[in-house]
Amino acid sequence: MAGRLRIGGENACPPEDVGGAPGYEEFLDALADLDNSEHDELKAWIGSSFDPTAFAVANANQRLTPEMF
């Protein structure tokens, strides 16, 4: 895929080891709910703020085609 760049996209990629699609959904639910029993543990695990709607074309291009950058 050399020479191709992404021009758009949406949403952040799930963190490593989140447990696939079902785990990511549970992760997002727990982060959004301060009363969730796993909220504090998951905030500590992620280590920083996490915006599930964040997307940066430049970052996606660099991660998917590092040889071009």
Protein backbone atom coordinates (compact mmCIF):
# COMPACT_ATOMS: atom_id res chain seq x y z
CA MET A 1 0.00 0.00 0.00
CA ALA A 2 2.97 2.29 -0.49
CA GLY A 3 2.12 5.81 -1.53
CA ARG A 4 -1.42 5.75 -0.16
CA LEU A 5 -2.58 8.02 2.62
CA ARG A 6 -5.74 8.11 4.67
CA ILE A 7 -7.72 11.31 4.24
CA GLY A 8 -10.25 10.82 7.01
CA GLY A 9 -11.62 8.60 9.70
CA GLU A 10 -13.37 8.69 13.00
CA ASN A 11 -12.91 7.60 16.58
CA ALA A 12 -9.91 6.48 18.55
CA CYS A 13 -8.45 3.04 18.27
CA PRO A 14 -9.07 0.81 21.30
CA PRO A 15 -6.24 0.41 23.80
CA GLU A 16 -4.19 -2.78 23.63
CA ASP A 17 -5.55 -5.72 25.62
CA VAL A 18 -9.00 -4.19 26.11
CA GLY A 19 -10.72 -7.45 25.19
CA GLY A 20 -11.88 -7.03 21.61
CA ALA A 21 -15.12 -5.30 20.63
CA PRO A 22 -17.10 -6.44 23.70
CA GLY A 23 -14.27 -5.41 26.05
CA TYR A 24 -13.95 -2.02 24.36
CA GLU A 25 -17.67 -1.39 24.79
CA GLU A 26 -17.45 -2.29 28.49
CA PHE A 27 -14.33 -0.12 28.82
CA LEU A 28 -16.14 2.91 27.34
CA ASP A 29 -19.20 2.32 29.51
CA ALA A 30 -17.07 2.11 32.66
CA LEU A 31 -15.09 5.25 31.83
CA ALA A 32 -18.29 7.20 31.21
CA ASP A 33 -19.90 6.09 34.49
CA LEU A 34 -18.27 7.44 37.64
CA ASP A 35 -20.33 4.97 39.70
CA ASN A 36 -19.11 1.93 37.75
CA SER A 37 -17.10 -0.36 40.03
CA GLU A 38 -14.28 -0.54 37.44
CA HIS A 39 -14.14 3.19 36.63
CA ASP A 40 -11.16 4.10 38.84
CA GLU A 41 -9.22 0.94 37.98
CA LEU A 42 -9.64 1.50 34.23
CA LYS A 43 -8.69 5.19 34.51
CA ALA A 44 -5.48 4.11 36.25
CA TRP A 45 -4.88 1.35 33.68
CA ILE A 46 -5.23 3.69 30.68
CA GLY A 47 -2.79 6.06 32.40
CA SER A 48 -4.14 9.27 30.86
CA SER A 49 -7.30 10.82 29.60
CA PHE A 50 -8.94 8.86 26.81
CA ASP A 51 -11.19 10.48 24.23
CA PRO A 52 -13.01 7.76 22.26
CA THR A 53 -13.99 10.30 19.59
CA ALA A 54 -10.43 11.50 18.95
CA PHE A 55 -8.97 10.89 15.50
CA ALA A 56 -5.94 12.43 13.82
CA VAL A 57 -5.33 11.62 10.16
CA ALA A 58 -1.60 12.30 10.48
CA ASN A 59 -1.26 9.87 13.40
CA ALA A 60 -3.22 7.18 11.54
CA ASN A 61 -1.04 7.58 8.47
CA GLN A 62 2.14 7.39 10.53
CA ARG A 63 0.99 4.28 12.43
CA LEU A 64 -0.22 2.46 9.33
CA THR A 65 2.60 3.41 6.95
CA PRO A 66 5.62 4.28 9.14
CA GLU A 67 8.06 3.72 6.26
CA MET A 68 6.68 6.85 4.57
CA PHE A 69 7.35 9.13 7.54
